[in-house]
Amino acid sequence: MESHAWIPSLGVSFTLGLDGLSLLFVILTALMGAAAVLASWKSLGRKVALFHAALALVMAGIYGVFLSVDLFLFAFMWELMLIPMYFLVDVWGGPGRHKASVKFFLFSQAGGILMFVAVVALYVLHGRATGVYSFDYRVLLGTAFDPAAGMLLMLGFFAAFAVKLPVFPLHAWLPDTYTEAPIGGSVLLAALLSKTAGYGMIRFLLPLFPDAVRAFAPIAVWLGVAGIVYGGFMAFAQKDLKRLVSYTSVSHLGFVLVGIFTLTAQGLDGAVIQMLSHGLGTGALFVLVGWLEERSGTRDLDRLGGLWSMAPRLGAFGLVLTLGLVGLPGLGNFIGEFLVLSGSFHAYLAATIVAGFGLVVAMVYALRMFQLSFHGSPSGALAVRDLDAPQVLLLGVLVAALVYLGLFPQEVLKLLAALGASLGLTPGVMP
């Protein structure tokens, strides 16, 4: 813990805290932030210093979200991520960057405003009930609400998290933004910004509004299932490789929502491991696709093909990361999805079956992507050079971390055990 008075008259403090849950995402942020810098090293042709300044500000906001104990500080850090990310997309993005950055800004700002209103309302309600006006998360725990007020406050927080995760149907900004962002921006968006939403749900929704969360859980689970299936079918329909990977995020992050709202220890563990695995695997995929586009000049699956024979190292990493999308045993994705489905099986059998069907769809779109990109005959005069040693090292570290999660998940589960106990989670439904 580290705490300093900020605005004492309003009960606002600059309070940061690190526990097992925060530690996991701080490590992920450090790793993927470095990956975003290194992946962009040779691709920036202009305003290089400004790019890294914007990236550093986004990183500062992400660290702040994962460490904030004061809710006012949390909301401040949540907004700090938004502005520099807007410029990362708008200044260094692709041909459709202006439309994509505005859409990202509007969706994110709308959700952020609703959350800030909920934060202030929570502050006022607690102050009126106890006489203590504070934004400190520890002070606000256990605040008694009228059921209707509790539901409205929970939905205010949920709106911001649902946009950022994103939750179907609030995902409309994601495909354009992920696709048009530069390599470093795509890595931050997919690997880290979406994780701030899942983290916020676990850190704030479950402990602050347990009654409202229980009432809302069936709706949230089915929204997650809808995202799993919808994202999978949309990924299958894409011919732009980067857009395809973008839609896989909608599908895989649907498992995070299902896991959190099963309100079981297994589901929570699965959601966290799924977030970590998605951050590593999809972040690495965006790095690989960005480098592939730099080498070939295209992301069109119809114009690719035969890449394995031209660039075997690139193909080998592409194969491992594709198997991660499928959820191959031995990789972190498998552990996350297995735990989520195990946690949801008893309470939401029908939803579990439909989500399992989503895994079949994932296998189809992932293998189709790999087949069209890396096998067959090259299209036209395509010539792609292979990865160099630093690039192999970067992707090798990310893949090694993904394999480590798949083989040694107990190291993560140990850090989460105390969290599940503090939330009252059991192998059954949250009491």
Protein backbone atom coordinates (compact mmCIF):
# COMPACT_ATOMS: atom_id res chain seq x y z
CA MET A 1 0.00 0.00 0.00
CA GLU A 2 1.03 3.59 -0.65
CA SER A 3 -1.30 6.42 0.36
CA HIS A 4 -1.10 10.22 0.32
CA ALA A 5 -3.76 12.87 0.80
CA TRP A 6 -4.86 14.40 -2.51
CA ILE A 7 -8.09 16.38 -1.97
CA PRO A 8 -8.74 15.91 1.76
CA SER A 9 -11.82 18.13 1.80
CA LEU A 10 -13.57 15.68 -0.55
CA GLY A 11 -12.15 12.50 0.94
CA VAL A 12 -9.95 11.86 -2.12
CA SER A 13 -6.56 10.22 -1.62
CA PHE A 14 -3.78 9.01 -3.90
CA THR A 15 -3.89 5.42 -2.67
CA LEU A 16 -2.29 2.54 -4.54
CA GLY A 17 -2.33 -1.10 -3.47
CA LEU A 18 -0.90 -4.35 -4.82
CA ASP A 19 -2.34 -7.79 -4.07
CA GLY A 20 -2.27 -11.11 -5.92
CA LEU A 21 -4.82 -10.04 -8.53
CA SER A 22 -3.14 -6.70 -9.18
CA LEU A 23 0.28 -8.33 -9.37
CA LEU A 24 -0.75 -10.61 -12.23
CA PHE A 25 -1.95 -7.70 -14.35
CA VAL A 26 0.97 -5.45 -13.44
CA ILE A 27 3.31 -8.16 -14.73
CA LEU A 28 1.20 -8.54 -17.90
CA THR A 29 1.27 -4.75 -18.39
CA ALA A 30 5.06 -4.59 -18.04
CA LEU A 31 5.56 -7.44 -20.50
CA MET A 32 3.07 -6.31 -23.14
CA GLY A 33 4.06 -2.65 -22.81
CA ALA A 34 7.64 -3.61 -23.64
CA ALA A 35 6.33 -5.75 -26.51
CA ALA A 36 4.36 -2.78 -27.90
CA VAL A 37 7.52 -0.62 -27.90
CA LEU A 38 9.76 -3.26 -29.46
CA ALA A 39 7.18 -4.29 -32.07
CA SER A 40 6.90 -0.66 -33.22
CA TRP A 41 10.65 -0.03 -33.24
CA LYS A 42 11.12 0.04 -37.01
CA SER A 43 7.59 0.86 -38.17
CA LEU A 44 7.29 4.51 -37.07
CA GLY A 45 8.16 6.91 -39.83
CA ARG A 46 7.19 10.15 -38.10
CA LYS A 47 6.68 11.79 -34.72
CA VAL A 48 8.49 8.97 -32.98
CA ALA A 49 8.96 10.81 -29.68
CA LEU A 50 5.29 11.83 -29.56
CA PHE A 51 4.25 8.23 -30.22
CA HIS A 52 6.23 6.94 -27.27
CA ALA A 53 5.00 9.77 -25.06
CA ALA A 54 1.40 8.83 -25.87
CA LEU A 55 2.16 5.16 -25.31
CA ALA A 56 3.75 5.94 -21.94
CA LEU A 57 0.66 7.90 -20.86
CA VAL A 58 -1.60 4.99 -21.80
CA MET A 59 0.65 2.69 -19.79
CA ALA A 60 0.52 5.05 -16.80
CA GLY A 61 -3.28 4.95 -16.91
CA ILE A 62 -3.31 1.16 -17.16
CA TYR A 63 -0.97 0.76 -14.19
CA GLY A 64 -3.14 3.22 -12.28
CA VAL A 65 -6.30 1.23 -12.97
CA PHE A 66 -4.69 -1.98 -11.72
CA LEU A 67 -3.33 -0.34 -8.57
CA SER A 68 -5.93 2.27 -7.53
CA VAL A 69 -7.65 1.75 -4.20
CA ASP A 70 -9.39 5.14 -4.21
CA LEU A 71 -12.39 5.16 -6.58
CA PHE A 72 -11.87 8.79 -7.63
CA LEU A 73 -8.28 7.92 -8.54
CA PHE A 74 -9.53 4.83 -10.38
CA ALA A 75 -11.94 6.93 -12.46
CA PHE A 76 -9.16 9.45 -13.14
CA MET A 77 -6.81 6.72 -14.35
CA TRP A 78 -9.61 5.19 -16.42
CA GLU A 79 -9.96 8.48 -18.33
CA LEU A 80 -6.17 8.92 -18.53
CA MET A 81 -6.02 5.84 -20.78
CA LEU A 82 -8.50 7.30 -23.25
CA ILE A 83 -6.98 10.50 -24.68
CA PRO A 84 -3.48 9.24 -25.59
CA MET A 85 -4.96 6.04 -27.04
CA TYR A 86 -7.23 8.16 -29.22
CA PHE A 87 -4.16 9.93 -30.61
CA LEU A 88 -2.24 6.67 -31.07
CA VAL A 89 -4.98 5.49 -33.40
CA ASP A 90 -5.79 8.83 -35.05
CA VAL A 91 -2.21 9.93 -35.80
CA TRP A 92 -0.38 6.67 -36.53
CA GLY A 93 -3.24 4.40 -37.62
CA GLY A 94 -4.32 3.09 -41.01
CA PRO A 95 -6.45 4.68 -43.76
CA GLY A 96 -9.66 4.51 -41.70
CA ARG A 97 -8.03 5.78 -38.51
CA HIS A 98 -10.08 8.98 -38.09
CA LYS A 99 -13.45 7.24 -38.07
CA ALA A 100 -12.11 4.42 -35.88
CA SER A 101 -10.56 6.75 -33.29
CA VAL A 102 -13.71 8.86 -32.99
CA LYS A 103 -15.86 5.75 -32.56
CA PHE A 104 -13.49 4.45 -29.89
CA PHE A 105 -13.54 7.79 -28.09
CA LEU A 106 -17.34 8.16 -28.11
CA PHE A 107 -18.04 4.64 -26.89
CA SER A 108 -15.37 4.82 -24.19
CA GLN A 109 -16.33 8.29 -23.02
CA ALA A 110 -20.01 7.39 -22.76
CA GLY A 111 -19.19 4.42 -20.55
CA GLY A 112 -16.67 6.43 -18.52
CA ILE A 113 -19.21 9.16 -17.77
CA LEU A 114 -21.76 6.64 -16.52
CA MET A 115 -19.13 5.09 -14.26
CA PHE A 116 -18.08 8.45 -12.85
CA VAL A 117 -21.71 9.31 -12.08
CA ALA A 118 -22.00 5.95 -10.27
CA VAL A 119 -18.80 6.64 -8.32
CA VAL A 120 -20.09 10.04 -7.15
CA ALA A 121 -23.50 8.56 -6.30
CA LEU A 122 -21.85 5.81 -4.25
CA TYR A 123 -19.79 8.46 -2.43
CA VAL A 124 -22.90 10.49 -1.61
CA LEU A 125 -25.05 7.53 -0.53
CA HIS A 126 -22.34 6.18 1.76
CA GLY A 127 -21.74 9.64 3.21
CA ARG A 128 -25.41 10.18 3.97
CA ALA A 129 -25.73 6.76 5.57
CA THR A 130 -22.59 6.89 7.73
CA GLY A 131 -21.51 10.52 7.88
CA VAL A 132 -18.15 9.54 6.35
CA TYR A 133 -17.58 10.93 2.85
CA SER A 134 -14.77 8.99 1.23
CA PHE A 135 -13.81 7.49 -2.12
CA ASP A 136 -11.64 4.85 -0.42
CA TYR A 137 -12.61 1.42 -1.72
CA ARG A 138 -12.03 -0.18 1.70
CA VAL A 139 -14.35 2.32 3.38
CA LEU A 140 -17.10 1.87 0.79
CA LEU A 141 -17.18 -1.93 1.07
CA GLY A 142 -20.32 -3.15 2.76
CA THR A 143 -22.37 -0.02 2.03
CA ALA A 144 -26.07 -0.84 2.33
CA PHE A 145 -28.25 0.03 -0.68
CA ASP A 146 -31.85 0.02 -1.63
CA PRO A 147 -32.04 -2.82 -4.23
CA ALA A 148 -33.02 -0.44 -7.03
CA ALA A 149 -30.20 1.99 -6.16
CA GLY A 150 -27.70 -0.83 -5.94
CA MET A 151 -28.70 -2.11 -9.37
CA LEU A 152 -28.40 1.34 -10.95
CA LEU A 153 -24.97 1.90 -9.42
CA MET A 154 -23.78 -1.53 -10.52
CA LEU A 155 -25.02 -0.90 -14.07
CA GLY A 156 -23.16 2.42 -14.15
CA PHE A 157 -19.88 0.62 -13.44
CA PHE A 158 -20.83 -2.27 -15.72
CA ALA A 159 -21.49 0.09 -18.67
CA ALA A 160 -17.89 1.35 -18.65
CA PHE A 161 -16.46 -2.14 -18.23
CA ALA A 162 -18.77 -3.63 -20.86
CA VAL A 163 -17.65 -1.11 -23.48
CA LYS A 164 -13.96 -1.68 -22.79
CA LEU A 165 -14.04 -5.48 -22.54
CA PRO A 166 -16.08 -5.35 -24.89
CA VAL A 167 -19.40 -7.05 -24.22
CA PHE A 168 -21.73 -7.84 -27.12
CA PRO A 169 -23.49 -5.69 -28.42
CA LEU A 170 -21.28 -2.80 -27.17
CA HIS A 171 -18.35 -4.07 -29.25
CA ALA A 172 -19.04 -1.98 -32.38
CA TRP A 173 -15.95 0.20 -31.87
CA LEU A 174 -13.55 -2.74 -31.52
CA PRO A 175 -13.09 -4.18 -35.06
CA ASP A 176 -12.39 -0.79 -36.65
CA THR A 177 -10.14 0.44 -33.83
CA TYR A 178 -8.09 -2.74 -33.51
CA THR A 179 -7.72 -2.92 -37.30
CA GLU A 180 -6.70 0.69 -37.90
CA ALA A 181 -4.40 1.07 -34.88
CA PRO A 182 -0.62 0.85 -35.39
CA ILE A 183 1.13 -2.29 -34.16
CA GLY A 184 1.86 -0.88 -30.70
CA GLY A 185 -1.66 0.50 -30.37
CA SER A 186 -3.23 -2.83 -31.32
CA VAL A 187 -1.08 -4.61 -28.73
CA LEU A 188 -2.14 -2.21 -25.97
CA LEU A 189 -5.81 -2.35 -26.96
CA ALA A 190 -6.06 -6.13 -27.19
CA ALA A 191 -3.59 -7.19 -24.51
CA LEU A 192 -4.17 -4.56 -21.82
CA LEU A 193 -7.10 -2.14 -22.20
CA SER A 194 -9.65 -4.94 -22.41
CA LYS A 195 -8.14 -6.45 -19.25
CA THR A 196 -8.80 -3.27 -17.28
CA ALA A 197 -12.50 -3.99 -17.78
CA GLY A 198 -12.32 -7.57 -16.56
CA TYR A 199 -10.21 -6.45 -13.63
CA GLY A 200 -12.72 -3.72 -12.79
CA MET A 201 -15.57 -6.22 -12.73
CA ILE A 202 -13.72 -8.50 -10.33
CA ARG A 203 -12.30 -5.74 -8.14
CA PHE A 204 -15.34 -3.47 -7.87
CA LEU A 205 -18.61 -5.04 -9.07
CA LEU A 206 -18.47 -8.27 -7.08
CA PRO A 207 -17.51 -6.86 -3.66
CA LEU A 208 -19.34 -3.51 -3.82
CA PHE A 209 -22.68 -4.67 -5.28
CA PRO A 210 -23.05 -8.40 -4.48
CA ASP A 211 -26.87 -8.41 -4.44
CA ALA A 212 -27.16 -6.53 -7.74
CA VAL A 213 -24.51 -8.78 -9.31
CA ARG A 214 -26.43 -11.91 -8.30
CA ALA A 215 -29.62 -10.54 -9.84
CA PHE A 216 -27.84 -9.49 -13.03
CA ALA A 217 -25.65 -12.59 -13.39
CA PRO A 218 -27.93 -14.65 -15.72
CA ILE A 219 -28.17 -11.72 -18.17
CA ALA A 220 -24.39 -11.18 -18.08
CA VAL A 221 -23.67 -14.88 -18.66
CA TRP A 222 -25.88 -14.98 -21.74
CA LEU A 223 -24.35 -11.73 -23.04
CA GLY A 224 -20.96 -13.43 -22.71
CA VAL A 225 -22.21 -16.51 -24.56
CA ALA A 226 -23.65 -14.30 -27.32
CA GLY A 227 -20.24 -12.65 -27.70
CA ILE A 228 -18.49 -16.02 -27.89
CA VAL A 229 -20.67 -17.27 -30.74
CA TYR A 230 -21.08 -13.94 -32.57
CA GLY A 231 -17.36 -13.16 -32.45
CA GLY A 232 -16.54 -16.61 -33.76
CA PHE A 233 -18.88 -16.39 -36.75
CA MET A 234 -17.74 -12.86 -37.57
CA ALA A 235 -14.09 -13.94 -37.41
CA PHE A 236 -14.85 -16.74 -39.86
CA ALA A 237 -16.36 -14.24 -42.31
CA GLN A 238 -13.33 -11.90 -42.42
CA LYS A 239 -10.75 -11.69 -45.20
CA ASP A 240 -8.64 -8.99 -43.54
CA LEU A 241 -6.24 -10.86 -41.24
CA LYS A 242 -6.10 -8.09 -38.63
CA ARG A 243 -9.87 -7.71 -38.58
CA LEU A 244 -10.19 -11.47 -38.16
CA VAL A 245 -7.94 -11.40 -35.09
CA SER A 246 -9.97 -8.46 -33.78
CA TYR A 247 -13.21 -10.45 -33.85
CA THR A 248 -11.52 -13.37 -32.09
CA SER A 249 -11.12 -11.01 -29.14
CA VAL A 250 -14.90 -10.51 -28.95
CA SER A 251 -15.27 -14.28 -28.80
CA HIS A 252 -12.50 -15.06 -26.32
CA LEU A 253 -13.34 -12.21 -23.97
CA GLY A 254 -16.89 -13.50 -23.85
CA PHE A 255 -15.47 -16.34 -21.76
CA VAL A 256 -14.16 -13.75 -19.31
CA LEU A 257 -17.65 -12.32 -18.79
CA VAL A 258 -19.14 -15.79 -18.37
CA GLY A 259 -16.44 -16.79 -15.89
CA ILE A 260 -16.83 -13.71 -13.71
CA PHE A 261 -20.63 -13.89 -13.54
CA THR A 262 -20.82 -17.60 -12.81
CA LEU A 263 -19.98 -16.34 -9.29
CA THR A 264 -17.91 -19.43 -8.56
CA ALA A 265 -14.27 -19.76 -7.61
CA GLN A 266 -13.61 -21.91 -10.69
CA GLY A 267 -15.24 -19.39 -12.99
CA LEU A 268 -13.27 -16.51 -11.47
CA ASP A 269 -9.98 -18.42 -11.77
CA GLY A 270 -10.79 -19.27 -15.38
CA ALA A 271 -11.67 -15.67 -16.21
CA VAL A 272 -8.34 -14.39 -14.86
CA ILE A 273 -6.28 -17.04 -16.66
CA GLN A 274 -8.26 -16.39 -19.83
CA MET A 275 -7.48 -12.67 -19.57
CA LEU A 276 -3.78 -13.34 -19.08
CA SER A 277 -3.68 -15.89 -21.92
CA HIS A 278 -5.62 -13.65 -24.27
CA GLY A 279 -3.31 -10.74 -23.48
CA LEU A 280 -0.23 -12.80 -24.31
CA GLY A 281 -1.59 -14.75 -27.28
CA THR A 282 -3.65 -12.11 -29.05
CA GLY A 283 -1.05 -9.43 -28.31
CA ALA A 284 1.57 -11.65 -29.96
CA LEU A 285 -0.77 -12.29 -32.90
CA PHE A 286 -1.16 -8.56 -33.52
CA VAL A 287 2.62 -8.21 -33.43
CA LEU A 288 2.98 -11.06 -35.95
CA VAL A 289 0.26 -9.72 -38.25
CA GLY A 290 1.78 -6.23 -38.12
CA TRP A 291 5.19 -7.56 -39.10
CA LEU A 292 3.62 -9.68 -41.83
CA GLU A 293 1.87 -6.62 -43.27
CA GLU A 294 5.16 -4.66 -43.24
CA ARG A 295 6.84 -7.47 -45.18
CA SER A 296 4.09 -8.34 -47.65
CA GLY A 297 2.16 -5.07 -47.97
CA THR A 298 -1.17 -6.82 -47.43
CA ARG A 299 -3.44 -8.38 -44.81
CA ASP A 300 -5.85 -9.85 -47.37
CA LEU A 301 -6.14 -13.61 -46.94
CA ASP A 302 -6.88 -13.97 -50.67
CA ARG A 303 -3.48 -12.42 -51.48
CA LEU A 304 -1.51 -14.41 -48.93
CA GLY A 305 -0.53 -18.07 -48.97
CA GLY A 306 2.59 -20.21 -48.91
CA LEU A 307 4.18 -18.18 -46.14
CA TRP A 308 5.55 -21.22 -44.35
CA SER A 309 7.92 -22.05 -47.21
CA MET A 310 9.13 -18.43 -47.43
CA ALA A 311 9.29 -17.62 -43.72
CA PRO A 312 9.39 -20.81 -41.61
CA ARG A 313 10.12 -19.01 -38.32
CA LEU A 314 7.16 -16.70 -38.85
CA GLY A 315 5.08 -19.76 -39.75
CA ALA A 316 6.12 -21.65 -36.61
CA PHE A 317 5.03 -18.80 -34.35
CA GLY A 318 1.85 -18.42 -36.39
CA LEU A 319 1.06 -22.10 -35.80
CA VAL A 320 1.57 -21.93 -32.02
CA LEU A 321 -0.53 -18.76 -31.69
CA THR A 322 -3.26 -20.25 -33.89
CA LEU A 323 -3.36 -23.31 -31.65
CA GLY A 324 -3.72 -20.89 -28.75
CA LEU A 325 -6.89 -19.52 -30.37
CA VAL A 326 -8.20 -23.07 -30.62
CA GLY A 327 -7.44 -23.72 -26.94
CA LEU A 328 -4.88 -26.50 -27.35
CA PRO A 329 -4.02 -28.29 -24.07
CA GLY A 330 -0.63 -27.11 -22.85
CA LEU A 331 -1.41 -23.46 -23.56
CA GLY A 332 -3.00 -21.00 -21.15
CA ASN A 333 -6.16 -20.55 -23.23
CA PHE A 334 -7.16 -24.17 -22.62
CA ILE A 335 -6.90 -23.80 -18.84
CA GLY A 336 -8.92 -20.58 -18.83
CA GLU A 337 -11.72 -21.89 -21.02
CA PHE A 338 -11.87 -25.23 -19.18
CA LEU A 339 -12.19 -23.56 -15.78
CA VAL A 340 -14.84 -21.11 -17.05
CA LEU A 341 -16.96 -23.91 -18.51
CA SER A 342 -16.47 -26.02 -15.38
CA GLY A 343 -17.61 -23.11 -13.22
CA SER A 344 -20.71 -22.45 -15.34
CA PHE A 345 -21.75 -26.08 -15.89
CA HIS A 346 -24.07 -26.60 -12.92
CA ALA A 347 -25.77 -23.21 -12.76
CA TYR A 348 -25.94 -22.46 -16.50
CA LEU A 349 -25.97 -25.77 -18.36
CA ALA A 350 -27.58 -24.43 -21.56
CA ALA A 351 -25.18 -21.48 -21.68
CA THR A 352 -22.24 -23.84 -21.17
CA ILE A 353 -23.35 -25.99 -24.10
CA VAL A 354 -23.68 -22.98 -26.41
CA ALA A 355 -20.31 -21.63 -25.27
CA GLY A 356 -18.79 -25.04 -25.99
CA PHE A 357 -20.17 -24.77 -29.52
CA GLY A 358 -18.26 -21.49 -29.75
CA LEU A 359 -15.05 -23.48 -29.25
CA VAL A 360 -15.90 -25.52 -32.33
CA VAL A 361 -16.39 -22.31 -34.32
CA ALA A 362 -13.01 -21.11 -33.03
CA MET A 363 -11.34 -24.22 -34.38
CA VAL A 364 -12.85 -23.63 -37.81
CA TYR A 365 -11.90 -19.96 -38.16
CA ALA A 366 -8.42 -20.44 -36.66
CA LEU A 367 -7.47 -23.35 -38.91
CA ARG A 368 -8.95 -21.55 -41.94
CA MET A 369 -6.82 -18.50 -41.11
CA PHE A 370 -3.66 -20.57 -40.85
CA GLN A 371 -4.39 -22.60 -43.97
CA LEU A 372 -5.01 -19.56 -46.16
CA SER A 373 -2.02 -17.62 -44.81
CA PHE A 374 0.74 -20.18 -44.42
CA HIS A 375 -0.09 -23.11 -46.70
CA GLY A 376 -0.91 -23.44 -50.37
CA SER A 377 0.82 -21.50 -53.10
CA PRO A 378 1.89 -17.86 -52.77
CA SER A 379 -0.40 -15.40 -54.53
CA GLY A 380 1.18 -13.31 -57.28
CA ALA A 381 4.70 -12.03 -56.69
CA LEU A 382 4.50 -12.30 -52.91
CA ALA A 383 7.91 -12.40 -51.25
CA VAL A 384 8.20 -12.28 -47.47
CA ARG A 385 11.46 -12.28 -45.51
CA ASP A 386 11.60 -14.28 -42.32
CA LEU A 387 11.78 -12.96 -38.76
CA ASP A 388 15.16 -11.73 -37.57
CA ALA A 389 16.75 -12.68 -34.23
CA PRO A 390 15.29 -9.83 -32.07
CA GLN A 391 11.82 -10.51 -33.44
CA VAL A 392 12.16 -14.24 -32.73
CA LEU A 393 13.26 -13.38 -29.18
CA LEU A 394 10.24 -11.10 -28.58
CA LEU A 395 7.67 -13.60 -29.83
CA GLY A 396 9.56 -16.42 -28.11
CA VAL A 397 9.18 -14.72 -24.72
CA LEU A 398 5.43 -14.21 -25.24
CA VAL A 399 4.89 -17.80 -26.40
CA ALA A 400 6.98 -19.12 -23.50
CA ALA A 401 4.78 -17.18 -21.06
CA LEU A 402 1.66 -18.62 -22.73
CA VAL A 403 3.04 -22.15 -22.41
CA TYR A 404 4.00 -21.51 -18.78
CA LEU A 405 0.39 -20.53 -18.01
CA GLY A 406 -0.79 -23.73 -19.66
CA LEU A 407 1.62 -26.02 -17.82
CA PHE A 408 1.81 -24.32 -14.41
CA PRO A 409 -1.55 -22.61 -13.80
CA GLN A 410 -1.35 -23.43 -10.10
CA GLU A 411 1.13 -20.59 -9.63
CA VAL A 412 -1.60 -18.17 -10.72
CA LEU A 413 -4.33 -19.98 -8.83
CA LYS A 414 -2.39 -19.66 -5.57
CA LEU A 415 -2.44 -15.88 -5.92
CA LEU A 416 -6.19 -15.93 -6.56
CA ALA A 417 -7.13 -18.25 -3.69
CA ALA A 418 -7.25 -15.48 -1.11
CA LEU A 419 -9.30 -13.31 -3.49
CA GLY A 420 -11.96 -15.98 -3.97
CA ALA A 421 -12.20 -16.50 -0.21
CA SER A 422 -12.54 -12.76 0.45
CA LEU A 423 -15.43 -12.56 -2.04
CA GLY A 424 -17.19 -15.50 -0.44
CA LEU A 425 -16.83 -17.60 -3.57
CA THR A 426 -17.09 -21.37 -3.30
CA PRO A 427 -17.12 -24.15 -5.92
CA GLY A 428 -20.87 -23.53 -5.94
CA VAL A 429 -22.84 -20.35 -6.53
CA MET A 430 -21.88 -17.23 -4.59
CA PRO A 431 -23.90 -17.28 -1.33
